[in-house]
């Protein structure tokens, strides 16, 4: 699969500091920030600092260090936002997965009972 990265996507611009964000956590490998249209009391996006289009692109091409650093960011976001009662981690991918921004990102949602993910 071809993973052509568009460096003009909104998350690339956030990483370059061209667009402000409400940072929740940052390390050398990832940036986590509040979603601008939250779907739950806790709704944080975590993006890798590398140019990855989707979860499968990140899983295939990111270094072990980048993958571990990203997962450490996920753990820190969960700790900081206190989603101990439970949360959902979502990575929408491509058209059928309804991915809006072509930069791999994970949504962490929590802070209330979320209900079923898919109906039927």
PDB file of N, CA and C in Angstrom:
ATOM      1  N   UNK A   1       0.838  -1.180   0.000  1.00  0.00           N
ATOM      2  CA  UNK A   1       0.000   0.000   0.000  1.00  0.00           C
ATOM      3  C   UNK A   1       0.879   1.237   0.000  1.00  0.00           C
ATOM      4  N   UNK A   2       0.464   2.229  -0.757  1.00  0.00           N
ATOM      5  CA  UNK A   2       1.182   3.499  -0.829  1.00  0.00           C
ATOM      6  C   UNK A   2       0.695   4.413   0.289  1.00  0.00           C
ATOM      7  N   UNK A   3       1.597   4.912   1.075  1.00  0.00           N
ATOM      8  CA  UNK A   3       1.254   5.816   2.166  1.00  0.00           C
ATOM      9  C   UNK A   3       1.827   7.194   1.880  1.00  0.00           C
ATOM     10  N   UNK A   4       1.294   7.865   0.890  1.00  0.00           N
ATOM     11  CA  UNK A   4       1.750   9.212   0.532  1.00  0.00           C
ATOM     12  C   UNK A   4       1.275  10.190   1.608  1.00  0.00           C
ATOM     13  N   UNK A   5       2.213  10.870   2.236  1.00  0.00           N
ATOM     14  CA  UNK A   5       1.917  11.778   3.342  1.00  0.00           C
ATOM     15  C   UNK A   5       1.766  13.210   2.835  1.00  0.00           C
ATOM     16  N   UNK A   6       0.680  13.863   3.232  1.00  0.00           N
ATOM     17  CA  UNK A   6       0.428  15.269   2.899  1.00  0.00           C
ATOM     18  C   UNK A   6       0.894  16.135   4.066  1.00  0.00           C
ATOM     19  N   UNK A   7       2.009  16.837   3.901  1.00  0.00           N
ATOM     20  CA  UNK A   7       2.554  17.633   5.005  1.00  0.00           C
ATOM     21  C   UNK A   7       1.796  18.945   5.237  1.00  0.00           C
ATOM     22  N   UNK A   8       0.700  19.142   4.527  1.00  0.00           N
ATOM     23  CA  UNK A   8      -0.139  20.320   4.754  1.00  0.00           C
ATOM     24  C   UNK A   8      -1.390  19.986   5.560  1.00  0.00           C
ATOM     25  N   UNK A   9      -1.500  18.763   6.065  1.00  0.00           N
ATOM     26  CA  UNK A   9      -2.662  18.426   6.882  1.00  0.00           C
ATOM     27  C   UNK A   9      -2.602  19.176   8.212  1.00  0.00           C
ATOM     28  N   UNK A  10      -3.736  19.311   8.856  1.00  0.00           N
ATOM     29  CA  UNK A  10      -3.841  20.142  10.063  1.00  0.00           C
ATOM     30  C   UNK A  10      -2.929  19.650  11.189  1.00  0.00           C
ATOM     31  N   UNK A  11      -2.749  18.338  11.326  1.00  0.00           N
ATOM     32  CA  UNK A  11      -1.893  17.841  12.408  1.00  0.00           C
ATOM     33  C   UNK A  11      -0.419  18.130  12.130  1.00  0.00           C
ATOM     34  N   UNK A  12      -0.016  18.071  10.874  1.00  0.00           N
ATOM     35  CA  UNK A  12       1.358  18.452  10.529  1.00  0.00           C
ATOM     36  C   UNK A  12       1.577  19.924  10.872  1.00  0.00           C
ATOM     37  N   UNK A  13       0.572  20.753  10.613  1.00  0.00           N
ATOM     38  CA  UNK A  13       0.680  22.178  10.931  1.00  0.00           C
ATOM     39  C   UNK A  13       0.724  22.399  12.440  1.00  0.00           C
ATOM     40  N   UNK A  14      -0.018  21.612  13.196  1.00  0.00           N
ATOM     41  CA  UNK A  14       0.048  21.697  14.663  1.00  0.00           C
ATOM     42  C   UNK A  14       1.441  21.315  15.140  1.00  0.00           C
ATOM     43  N   UNK A  15       1.996  20.232  14.601  1.00  0.00           N
ATOM     44  CA  UNK A  15       3.338  19.806  14.995  1.00  0.00           C
ATOM     45  C   UNK A  15       4.392  20.865  14.691  1.00  0.00           C
ATOM     46  N   UNK A  16       4.215  21.619  13.604  1.00  0.00           N
ATOM     47  CA  UNK A  16       5.163  22.674  13.243  1.00  0.00           C
ATOM     48  C   UNK A  16       4.906  23.968  14.011  1.00  0.00           C
ATOM     49  N   UNK A  17       3.860  24.015  14.829  1.00  0.00           N
ATOM     50  CA  UNK A  17       3.543  25.211  15.602  1.00  0.00           C
ATOM     51  C   UNK A  17       2.795  26.269  14.820  1.00  0.00           C
ATOM     52  N   UNK A  18       2.281  25.926  13.655  1.00  0.00           N
ATOM     53  CA  UNK A  18       1.547  26.885  12.829  1.00  0.00           C
ATOM     54  C   UNK A  18       0.111  27.068  13.302  1.00  0.00           C
ATOM     55  N   UNK A  19      -0.416  26.078  13.994  1.00  0.00           N
ATOM     56  CA  UNK A  19      -1.776  26.123  14.534  1.00  0.00           C
ATOM     57  C   UNK A  19      -1.679  25.800  16.016  1.00  0.00           C
ATOM     58  N   UNK A  20      -2.297  26.615  16.871  1.00  0.00           N
ATOM     59  CA  UNK A  20      -2.227  26.354  18.310  1.00  0.00           C
ATOM     60  C   UNK A  20      -3.070  25.138  18.706  1.00  0.00           C
ATOM     61  N   UNK A  21      -2.764  24.604  19.868  1.00  0.00           N
ATOM     62  CA  UNK A  21      -3.527  23.485  20.420  1.00  0.00           C
ATOM     63  C   UNK A  21      -3.493  23.574  21.934  1.00  0.00           C
ATOM     64  N   UNK A  22      -4.355  22.817  22.571  1.00  0.00           N
ATOM     65  CA  UNK A  22      -4.351  22.716  24.031  1.00  0.00           C
ATOM     66  C   UNK A  22      -3.652  21.413  24.391  1.00  0.00           C
ATOM     67  N   UNK A  23      -2.337  21.518  24.582  1.00  0.00           N
ATOM     68  CA  UNK A  23      -1.514  20.345  24.836  1.00  0.00           C
ATOM     69  C   UNK A  23      -1.849  19.717  26.175  1.00  0.00           C
ATOM     70  N   UNK A  24      -2.013  18.406  26.165  1.00  0.00           N
ATOM     71  CA  UNK A  24      -2.226  17.614  27.376  1.00  0.00           C
ATOM     72  C   UNK A  24      -0.916  16.953  27.794  1.00  0.00           C
ATOM     73  N   UNK A  25      -0.150  16.486  26.805  1.00  0.00           N
ATOM     74  CA  UNK A  25       1.112  15.803  27.083  1.00  0.00           C
ATOM     75  C   UNK A  25       1.956  15.809  25.813  1.00  0.00           C
ATOM     76  N   UNK A  26       3.282  15.824  25.995  1.00  0.00           N
ATOM     77  CA  UNK A  26       4.191  15.744  24.869  1.00  0.00           C
ATOM     78  C   UNK A  26       5.466  15.044  25.297  1.00  0.00           C
ATOM     79  N   UNK A  27       5.987  14.197  24.410  1.00  0.00           N
ATOM     80  CA  UNK A  27       7.312  13.623  24.598  1.00  0.00           C
ATOM     81  C   UNK A  27       8.051  13.710  23.259  1.00  0.00           C
ATOM     82  N   UNK A  28       9.179  13.053  23.137  1.00  0.00           N
ATOM     83  CA  UNK A  28       9.971  13.145  21.907  1.00  0.00           C
ATOM     84  C   UNK A  28       9.292  12.489  20.705  1.00  0.00           C
ATOM     85  N   UNK A  29       8.286  11.667  20.954  1.00  0.00           N
ATOM     86  CA  UNK A  29       7.693  10.861  19.895  1.00  0.00           C
ATOM     87  C   UNK A  29       6.246  11.197  19.575  1.00  0.00           C
ATOM     88  N   UNK A  30       5.563  11.903  20.477  1.00  0.00           N
ATOM     89  CA  UNK A  30       4.131  12.125  20.299  1.00  0.00           C
ATOM     90  C   UNK A  30       3.691  13.433  20.939  1.00  0.00           C
ATOM     91  N   UNK A  31       2.578  13.927  20.447  1.00  0.00           N
ATOM     92  CA  UNK A  31       1.920  15.106  20.999  1.00  0.00           C
ATOM     93  C   UNK A  31       0.476  14.738  21.266  1.00  0.00           C
ATOM     94  N   UNK A  32      -0.019  15.065  22.443  1.00  0.00           N
ATOM     95  CA  UNK A  32      -1.415  14.815  22.800  1.00  0.00           C
ATOM     96  C   UNK A  32      -2.075  16.154  23.121  1.00  0.00           C
ATOM     97  N   UNK A  33      -3.268  16.347  22.573  1.00  0.00           N
ATOM     98  CA  UNK A  33      -3.966  17.617  22.776  1.00  0.00           C
ATOM     99  C   UNK A  33      -5.473  17.392  22.779  1.00  0.00           C
ATOM    100  N   UNK A  34      -6.192  18.360  23.348  1.00  0.00           N
ATOM    101  CA  UNK A  34      -7.642  18.266  23.437  1.00  0.00           C
ATOM    102  C   UNK A  34      -8.273  18.377  22.060  1.00  0.00           C
ATOM    103  N   UNK A  35      -9.290  17.547  21.814  1.00  0.00           N
ATOM    104  CA  UNK A  35     -10.040  17.617  20.558  1.00  0.00           C
ATOM    105  C   UNK A  35     -10.852  18.915  20.551  1.00  0.00           C
ATOM    106  N   UNK A  36     -10.943  19.568  19.391  1.00  0.00           N
ATOM    107  CA  UNK A  36     -11.676  20.841  19.311  1.00  0.00           C
ATOM    108  C   UNK A  36     -13.190  20.643  19.293  1.00  0.00           C
ATOM    109  N   UNK A  37     -13.652  19.422  19.062  1.00  0.00           N
ATOM    110  CA  UNK A  37     -15.081  19.113  19.078  1.00  0.00           C
ATOM    111  C   UNK A  37     -15.277  17.840  19.905  1.00  0.00           C
ATOM    112  N   UNK A  38     -15.102  17.938  21.228  1.00  0.00           N
ATOM    113  CA  UNK A  38     -15.106  16.732  22.065  1.00  0.00           C
ATOM    114  C   UNK A  38     -16.434  15.980  22.018  1.00  0.00           C
ATOM    115  N   UNK A  39     -16.322  14.649  21.984  1.00  0.00           N
ATOM    116  CA  UNK A  39     -17.483  13.763  21.970  1.00  0.00           C
ATOM    117  C   UNK A  39     -17.729  13.118  23.334  1.00  0.00           C
ATOM    118  N   UNK A  40     -16.909  13.454  24.310  1.00  0.00           N
ATOM    119  CA  UNK A  40     -17.023  12.944  25.677  1.00  0.00           C
ATOM    120  C   UNK A  40     -16.310  13.947  26.588  1.00  0.00           C
ATOM    121  N   UNK A  41     -16.546  13.855  27.918  1.00  0.00           N
ATOM    122  CA  UNK A  41     -15.856  14.783  28.824  1.00  0.00           C
ATOM    123  C   UNK A  41     -14.333  14.765  28.655  1.00  0.00           C
ATOM    124  N   UNK A  42     -13.769  13.593  28.390  1.00  0.00           N
ATOM    125  CA  UNK A  42     -12.351  13.482  28.036  1.00  0.00           C
ATOM    126  C   UNK A  42     -12.304  13.094  26.564  1.00  0.00           C
ATOM    127  N   UNK A  43     -11.660  13.917  25.752  1.00  0.00           N
ATOM    128  CA  UNK A  43     -11.461  13.581  24.335  1.00  0.00           C
ATOM    129  C   UNK A  43     -10.136  14.200  23.917  1.00  0.00           C
ATOM    130  N   UNK A  44      -9.120  13.357  23.917  1.00  0.00           N
ATOM    131  CA  UNK A  44      -7.757  13.777  23.618  1.00  0.00           C
ATOM    132  C   UNK A  44      -7.289  13.047  22.359  1.00  0.00           C
ATOM    133  N   UNK A  45      -6.606  13.766  21.498  1.00  0.00           N
ATOM    134  CA  UNK A  45      -5.987  13.180  20.318  1.00  0.00           C
ATOM    135  C   UNK A  45      -4.499  13.014  20.587  1.00  0.00           C
ATOM    136  N   UNK A  46      -3.957  11.880  20.200  1.00  0.00           N
ATOM    137  CA  UNK A  46      -2.524  11.622  20.329  1.00  0.00           C
ATOM    138  C   UNK A  46      -1.991  11.365  18.930  1.00  0.00           C
ATOM    139  N   UNK A  47      -0.974  12.131  18.536  1.00  0.00           N
ATOM    140  CA  UNK A  47      -0.402  11.991  17.197  1.00  0.00           C
ATOM    141  C   UNK A  47       1.095  11.737  17.306  1.00  0.00           C
ATOM    142  N   UNK A  48       1.611  10.868  16.450  1.00  0.00           N
ATOM    143  CA  UNK A  48       3.060  10.697  16.425  1.00  0.00           C
ATOM    144  C   UNK A  48       3.697  11.921  15.777  1.00  0.00           C
ATOM    145  N   UNK A  49       4.932  12.185  16.115  1.00  0.00           N
ATOM    146  CA  UNK A  49       5.648  13.323  15.518  1.00  0.00           C
ATOM    147  C   UNK A  49       6.192  12.998  14.131  1.00  0.00           C
ATOM    148  N   UNK A  50       6.183  11.744  13.754  1.00  0.00           N
ATOM    149  CA  UNK A  50       6.616  11.353  12.415  1.00  0.00           C
ATOM    150  C   UNK A  50       5.483  11.460  11.411  1.00  0.00           C
ATOM    151  N   UNK A  51       5.837  11.381  10.141  1.00  0.00           N
ATOM    152  CA  UNK A  51       4.887  11.536   9.030  1.00  0.00           C
ATOM    153  C   UNK A  51       4.250  10.192   8.685  1.00  0.00           C
ATOM    154  N   UNK A  52       3.223   9.819   9.436  1.00  0.00           N
ATOM    155  CA  UNK A  52       2.514   8.564   9.214  1.00  0.00           C
ATOM    156  C   UNK A  52       1.059   8.857   8.898  1.00  0.00           C
ATOM    157  N   UNK A  53       0.541   8.225   7.864  1.00  0.00           N
ATOM    158  CA  UNK A  53      -0.811   8.480   7.391  1.00  0.00           C
ATOM    159  C   UNK A  53      -1.861   7.785   8.246  1.00  0.00           C
ATOM    160  N   UNK A  54      -1.581   6.582   8.711  1.00  0.00           N
ATOM    161  CA  UNK A  54      -2.603   5.759   9.348  1.00  0.00           C
ATOM    162  C   UNK A  54      -1.968   4.786  10.336  1.00  0.00           C
ATOM    163  N   UNK A  55      -2.818   4.090  11.079  1.00  0.00           N
ATOM    164  CA  UNK A  55      -2.346   3.117  12.062  1.00  0.00           C
ATOM    165  C   UNK A  55      -1.493   2.037  11.400  1.00  0.00           C
ATOM    166  N   UNK A  56      -1.951   1.503  10.266  1.00  0.00           N
ATOM    167  CA  UNK A  56      -1.169   0.446   9.637  1.00  0.00           C
ATOM    168  C   UNK A  56       0.155   0.963   9.078  1.00  0.00           C
ATOM    169  N   UNK A  57       0.187   2.205   8.632  1.00  0.00           N
ATOM    170  CA  UNK A  57       1.435   2.825   8.185  1.00  0.00           C
ATOM    171  C   UNK A  57       2.396   2.956   9.370  1.00  0.00           C
ATOM    172  N   UNK A  58       1.898   3.454  10.488  1.00  0.00           N
ATOM    173  CA  UNK A  58       2.700   3.609  11.702  1.00  0.00           C
ATOM    174  C   UNK A  58       3.220   2.251  12.179  1.00  0.00           C
ATOM    175  N   UNK A  59       2.345   1.251  12.200  1.00  0.00           N
ATOM    176  CA  UNK A  59       2.739  -0.085  12.659  1.00  0.00           C
ATOM    177  C   UNK A  59       3.794  -0.698  11.754  1.00  0.00           C
ATOM    178  N   UNK A  60       3.707  -0.438  10.454  1.00  0.00           N
ATOM    179  CA  UNK A  60       4.651  -1.011   9.500  1.00  0.00           C
ATOM    180  C   UNK A  60       5.996  -0.289   9.495  1.00  0.00           C
ATOM    181  N   UNK A  61       5.986   1.066   9.535  1.00  0.00           N
ATOM    182  CA  UNK A  61       7.198   1.828   9.241  1.00  0.00           C
ATOM    183  C   UNK A  61       7.836   2.571  10.414  1.00  0.00           C
ATOM    184  N   UNK A  62       7.118   2.779  11.487  1.00  0.00           N
ATOM    185  CA  UNK A  62       7.708   3.507  12.621  1.00  0.00           C
ATOM    186  C   UNK A  62       8.720   2.617  13.337  1.00  0.00           C
ATOM    187  N   UNK A  63       9.750   3.249  13.855  1.00  0.00           N
ATOM    188  CA  UNK A  63      10.757   2.496  14.614  1.00  0.00           C
ATOM    189  C   UNK A  63      10.149   1.982  15.923  1.00  0.00           C
ATOM    190  N   UNK A  64      10.789   0.980  16.485  1.00  0.00           N
ATOM    191  CA  UNK A  64      10.342   0.451  17.776  1.00  0.00           C
ATOM    192  C   UNK A  64      10.361   1.551  18.830  1.00  0.00           C
ATOM    193  N   UNK A  65      11.348   2.433  18.756  1.00  0.00           N
ATOM    194  CA  UNK A  65      11.442   3.543  19.702  1.00  0.00           C
ATOM    195  C   UNK A  65      10.261   4.503  19.539  1.00  0.00           C
ATOM    196  N   UNK A  66       9.907   4.823  18.292  1.00  0.00           N
ATOM    197  CA  UNK A  66       8.754   5.703  18.059  1.00  0.00           C
ATOM    198  C   UNK A  66       7.453   5.051  18.510  1.00  0.00           C
ATOM    199  N   UNK A  67       7.313   3.763  18.253  1.00  0.00           N
ATOM    200  CA  UNK A  67       6.101   3.067  18.674  1.00  0.00           C
ATOM    201  C   UNK A  67       6.000   3.016  20.204  1.00  0.00           C
ATOM    202  N   UNK A  68       7.097   2.722  20.856  1.00  0.00           N
ATOM    203  CA  UNK A  68       7.087   2.684  22.323  1.00  0.00           C
ATOM    204  C   UNK A  68       6.821   4.064  22.898  1.00  0.00           C
ATOM    205  N   UNK A  69       7.423   5.096  22.329  1.00  0.00           N
ATOM    206  CA  UNK A  69       7.196   6.459  22.799  1.00  0.00           C
ATOM    207  C   UNK A  69       5.757   6.896  22.616  1.00  0.00           C
ATOM    208  N   UNK A  70       5.139   6.483  21.519  1.00  0.00           N
ATOM    209  CA  UNK A  70       3.725   6.788  21.288  1.00  0.00           C
ATOM    210  C   UNK A  70       2.861   6.108  22.346  1.00  0.00           C
ATOM    211  N   UNK A  71       3.117   4.837  22.600  1.00  0.00           N
ATOM    212  CA  UNK A  71       2.322   4.112  23.597  1.00  0.00           C
ATOM    213  C   UNK A  71       2.556   4.665  25.007  1.00  0.00           C
ATOM    214  N   UNK A  72       3.754   5.147  25.289  1.00  0.00           N
ATOM    215  CA  UNK A  72       3.994   5.810  26.579  1.00  0.00           C
ATOM    216  C   UNK A  72       3.147   7.069  26.689  1.00  0.00           C
ATOM    217  N   UNK A  73       2.992   7.784  25.584  1.00  0.00           N
ATOM    218  CA  UNK A  73       2.139   8.976  25.576  1.00  0.00           C
ATOM    219  C   UNK A  73       0.690   8.595  25.839  1.00  0.00           C
ATOM    220  N   UNK A  74       0.234   7.488  25.262  1.00  0.00           N
ATOM    221  CA  UNK A  74      -1.129   7.012  25.528  1.00  0.00           C
ATOM    222  C   UNK A  74      -1.300   6.762  27.024  1.00  0.00           C
ATOM    223  N   UNK A  75      -0.353   6.073  27.637  1.00  0.00           N
ATOM    224  CA  UNK A  75      -0.428   5.772  29.075  1.00  0.00           C
ATOM    225  C   UNK A  75      -0.452   7.047  29.906  1.00  0.00           C
ATOM    226  N   UNK A  76       0.373   8.009  29.552  1.00  0.00           N
ATOM    227  CA  UNK A  76       0.412   9.270  30.298  1.00  0.00           C
ATOM    228  C   UNK A  76      -0.889  10.059  30.156  1.00  0.00           C
ATOM    229  N   UNK A  77      -1.454  10.078  28.965  1.00  0.00           N
ATOM    230  CA  UNK A  77      -2.736  10.764  28.761  1.00  0.00           C
ATOM    231  C   UNK A  77      -3.812  10.120  29.631  1.00  0.00           C
ATOM    232  N   UNK A  78      -3.842   8.800  29.671  1.00  0.00           N
ATOM    233  CA  UNK A  78      -4.830   8.114  30.510  1.00  0.00           C
ATOM    234  C   UNK A  78      -4.629   8.442  31.987  1.00  0.00           C
ATOM    235  N   UNK A  79      -3.383   8.537  32.413  1.00  0.00           N
ATOM    236  CA  UNK A  79      -3.100   8.899  33.811  1.00  0.00           C
ATOM    237  C   UNK A  79      -3.503  10.340  34.077  1.00  0.00           C
ATOM    238  N   UNK A  80      -3.096  11.252  33.225  1.00  0.00           N
ATOM    239  CA  UNK A  80      -3.361  12.684  33.415  1.00  0.00           C
ATOM    240  C   UNK A  80      -4.856  12.974  33.417  1.00  0.00           C
ATOM    241  N   UNK A  81      -5.593  12.336  32.525  1.00  0.00           N
ATOM    242  CA  UNK A  81      -7.026  12.618  32.394  1.00  0.00           C
ATOM    243  C   UNK A  81      -7.877  11.782  33.340  1.00  0.00           C
ATOM    244  N   UNK A  82      -7.254  10.869  34.077  1.00  0.00           N
ATOM    245  CA  UNK A  82      -7.930  10.066  35.096  1.00  0.00           C
ATOM    246  C   UNK A  82      -9.133   9.305  34.532  1.00  0.00           C
ATOM    247  N   UNK A  83      -8.882   8.515  33.495  1.00  0.00           N
ATOM    248  CA  UNK A  83      -9.951   7.712  32.901  1.00  0.00           C
ATOM    249  C   UNK A  83      -9.944   6.287  33.467  1.00  0.00           C
ATOM    250  N   UNK A  84      -9.637   6.187  34.761  1.00  0.00           N
ATOM    251  CA  UNK A  84      -9.523   4.886  35.411  1.00  0.00           C
ATOM    252  C   UNK A  84     -10.785   4.047  35.384  1.00  0.00           C
ATOM    253  N   UNK A  85     -11.951   4.681  35.262  1.00  0.00           N
ATOM    254  CA  UNK A  85     -13.204   3.919  35.204  1.00  0.00           C
ATOM    255  C   UNK A  85     -13.419   3.293  33.830  1.00  0.00           C
ATOM    256  N   UNK A  86     -12.606   3.678  32.872  1.00  0.00           N
ATOM    257  CA  UNK A  86     -12.691   3.110  31.533  1.00  0.00           C
ATOM    258  C   UNK A  86     -12.600   4.177  30.461  1.00  0.00           C
ATOM    259  N   UNK A  87     -12.172   3.771  29.289  1.00  0.00           N
ATOM    260  CA  UNK A  87     -12.030   4.697  28.171  1.00  0.00           C
ATOM    261  C   UNK A  87     -12.091   3.919  26.876  1.00  0.00           C
ATOM    262  N   UNK A  88     -12.188   4.644  25.786  1.00  0.00           N
ATOM    263  CA  UNK A  88     -12.136   4.051  24.460  1.00  0.00           C
ATOM    264  C   UNK A  88     -10.963   4.672  23.720  1.00  0.00           C
ATOM    265  N   UNK A  89     -10.198   3.826  23.013  1.00  0.00           N
ATOM    266  CA  UNK A  89      -9.115   4.275  22.154  1.00  0.00           C
ATOM    267  C   UNK A  89      -9.514   3.947  20.722  1.00  0.00           C
ATOM    268  N   UNK A  90      -9.576   4.966  19.876  1.00  0.00           N
ATOM    269  CA  UNK A  90     -10.047   4.790  18.500  1.00  0.00           C
ATOM    270  C   UNK A  90      -9.015   5.360  17.534  1.00  0.00           C
ATOM    271  N   UNK A  91      -8.751   4.603  16.480  1.00  0.00           N
ATOM    272  CA  UNK A  91      -7.906   5.084  15.389  1.00  0.00           C
ATOM    273  C   UNK A  91      -8.673   4.863  14.084  1.00  0.00           C
ATOM    274  N   UNK A  92      -9.397   5.874  13.644  1.00  0.00           N
ATOM    275  CA  UNK A  92     -10.122   5.798  12.386  1.00  0.00           C
ATOM    276  C   UNK A  92      -9.106   5.737  11.241  1.00  0.00           C
ATOM    277  N   UNK A  93      -9.388   4.898  10.237  1.00  0.00           N
ATOM    278  CA  UNK A  93      -8.412   4.706   9.168  1.00  0.00           C
ATOM    279  C   UNK A  93      -9.072   4.716   7.789  1.00  0.00           C
ATOM    280  N   UNK A  94      -8.620   5.619   6.957  1.00  0.00           N
ATOM    281  CA  UNK A  94      -9.038   5.785   5.566  1.00  0.00           C
ATOM    282  C   UNK A  94     -10.551   6.010   5.437  1.00  0.00           C
ATOM    283  N   UNK A  95     -11.065   5.901   4.215  1.00  0.00           N
ATOM    284  CA  UNK A  95     -12.431   6.302   3.897  1.00  0.00           C
ATOM    285  C   UNK A  95     -13.481   5.519   4.674  1.00  0.00           C
ATOM    286  N   UNK A  96     -13.426   4.207   4.636  1.00  0.00           N
ATOM    287  CA  UNK A  96     -14.439   3.406   5.325  1.00  0.00           C
ATOM    288  C   UNK A  96     -14.344   3.534   6.836  1.00  0.00           C
ATOM    289  N   UNK A  97     -13.179   3.869   7.335  1.00  0.00           N
ATOM    290  CA  UNK A  97     -13.001   4.082   8.769  1.00  0.00           C
ATOM    291  C   UNK A  97     -13.289   5.506   9.197  1.00  0.00           C
ATOM    292  N   UNK A  98     -13.666   6.354   8.256  1.00  0.00           N
ATOM    293  CA  UNK A  98     -14.030   7.759   8.477  1.00  0.00           C
ATOM    294  C   UNK A  98     -12.866   8.549   9.090  1.00  0.00           C
ATOM    295  N   UNK A  99     -11.689   8.401   8.509  1.00  0.00           N
ATOM    296  CA  UNK A  99     -10.524   9.165   8.942  1.00  0.00           C
ATOM    297  C   UNK A  99     -10.596  10.548   8.300  1.00  0.00           C
ATOM    298  N   UNK A 100     -10.680  11.590   9.121  1.00  0.00           N
ATOM    299  CA  UNK A 100     -10.814  12.957   8.611  1.00  0.00           C
ATOM    300  C   UNK A 100      -9.485  13.624   8.307  1.00  0.00           C
ATOM    301  N   UNK A 101      -8.451  13.307   9.073  1.00  0.00           N
ATOM    302  CA  UNK A 101      -7.136  13.930   8.891  1.00  0.00           C
ATOM    303  C   UNK A 101      -6.146  12.835   8.502  1.00  0.00           C
ATOM    304  N   UNK A 102      -5.423  12.993   7.387  1.00  0.00           N
ATOM    305  CA  UNK A 102      -4.502  11.955   6.926  1.00  0.00           C
ATOM    306  C   UNK A 102      -3.153  11.962   7.649  1.00  0.00           C
ATOM    307  N   UNK A 103      -3.225  11.961   8.963  1.00  0.00           N
ATOM    308  CA  UNK A 103      -2.053  11.813   9.836  1.00  0.00           C
ATOM    309  C   UNK A 103      -2.526  10.880  10.946  1.00  0.00           C
ATOM    310  N   UNK A 104      -1.804   9.772  11.162  1.00  0.00           N
ATOM    311  CA  UNK A 104      -2.232   8.814  12.177  1.00  0.00           C
ATOM    312  C   UNK A 104      -2.501   9.530  13.495  1.00  0.00           C
ATOM    313  N   UNK A 105      -3.637   9.209  14.090  1.00  0.00           N
ATOM    314  CA  UNK A 105      -3.978   9.749  15.395  1.00  0.00           C
ATOM    315  C   UNK A 105      -4.880   8.777  16.132  1.00  0.00           C
ATOM    316  N   UNK A 106      -4.762   8.806  17.436  1.00  0.00           N
ATOM    317  CA  UNK A 106      -5.596   7.987  18.299  1.00  0.00           C
ATOM    318  C   UNK A 106      -6.440   8.909  19.168  1.00  0.00           C
ATOM    319  N   UNK A 107      -7.726   8.604  19.227  1.00  0.00           N
ATOM    320  CA  UNK A 107      -8.637   9.322  20.115  1.00  0.00           C
ATOM    321  C   UNK A 107      -8.704   8.557  21.432  1.00  0.00           C
ATOM    322  N   UNK A 108      -8.576   9.266  22.542  1.00  0.00           N
ATOM    323  CA  UNK A 108      -8.844   8.701  23.862  1.00  0.00           C
ATOM    324  C   UNK A 108     -10.097   9.406  24.370  1.00  0.00           C
ATOM    325  N   UNK A 109     -11.160   8.622  24.568  1.00  0.00           N
ATOM    326  CA  UNK A 109     -12.438   9.165  25.024  1.00  0.00           C
ATOM    327  C   UNK A 109     -12.823   8.516  26.341  1.00  0.00           C
ATOM    328  N   UNK A 110     -13.321   9.306  27.279  1.00  0.00           N
ATOM    329  CA  UNK A 110     -13.740   8.770  28.562  1.00  0.00           C
ATOM    330  C   UNK A 110     -14.431   9.837  29.386  1.00  0.00           C
ATOM    331  N   UNK A 111     -14.546   9.546  30.664  1.00  0.00           N
ATOM    332  CA  UNK A 111     -15.179  10.496  31.578  1.00  0.00           C
ATOM    333  C   UNK A 111     -16.666  10.267  31.770  1.00  0.00           C
ATOM    334  N   UNK A 112     -17.214   9.279  31.069  1.00  0.00           N
ATOM    335  CA  UNK A 112     -18.623   8.891  31.220  1.00  0.00           C
ATOM    336  C   UNK A 112     -18.814   7.519  30.574  1.00  0.00           C
ATOM    337  N   UNK A 113     -19.977   6.897  30.828  1.00  0.00           N
ATOM    338  CA  UNK A 113     -20.339   5.651  30.156  1.00  0.00           C
ATOM    339  C   UNK A 113     -20.508   5.953  28.669  1.00  0.00           C
ATOM    340  N   UNK A 114     -19.822   5.216  27.821  1.00  0.00           N
ATOM    341  CA  UNK A 114     -19.792   5.546  26.395  1.00  0.00           C
ATOM    342  C   UNK A 114     -20.810   4.790  25.543  1.00  0.00           C
ATOM    343  N   UNK A 115     -21.344   3.702  25.990  1.00  0.00           N
ATOM    344  CA  UNK A 115     -22.277   2.946  25.168  1.00  0.00           C
ATOM    345  C   UNK A 115     -21.549   2.089  24.153  1.00  0.00           C
ATOM    346  N   UNK A 116     -22.314   1.360  23.359  1.00  0.00           N
ATOM    347  CA  UNK A 116     -21.747   0.475  22.359  1.00  0.00           C
ATOM    348  C   UNK A 116     -21.097   1.258  21.242  1.00  0.00           C
ATOM    349  N   UNK A 117     -20.000   0.737  20.706  1.00  0.00           N
ATOM    350  CA  UNK A 117     -19.278   1.416  19.640  1.00  0.00           C
ATOM    351  C   UNK A 117     -20.012   1.295  18.312  1.00  0.00           C
ATOM    352  N   UNK A 118     -20.488   0.111  17.976  1.00  0.00           N
ATOM    353  CA  UNK A 118     -21.201  -0.106  16.716  1.00  0.00           C
ATOM    354  C   UNK A 118     -22.570  -0.697  17.019  1.00  0.00           C
ATOM    355  N   UNK A 119     -23.550  -0.272  16.297  1.00  0.00           N
ATOM    356  CA  UNK A 119     -24.899  -0.806  16.460  1.00  0.00           C
ATOM    357  C   UNK A 119     -25.118  -1.944  15.471  1.00  0.00           C
ATOM    358  N   UNK A 120     -25.763  -3.007  15.948  1.00  0.00           N
ATOM    359  CA  UNK A 120     -26.141  -4.092  15.038  1.00  0.00           C
ATOM    360  C   UNK A 120     -25.142  -5.165  14.835  1.00  0.00           C
TER     361      UNK A 120
END
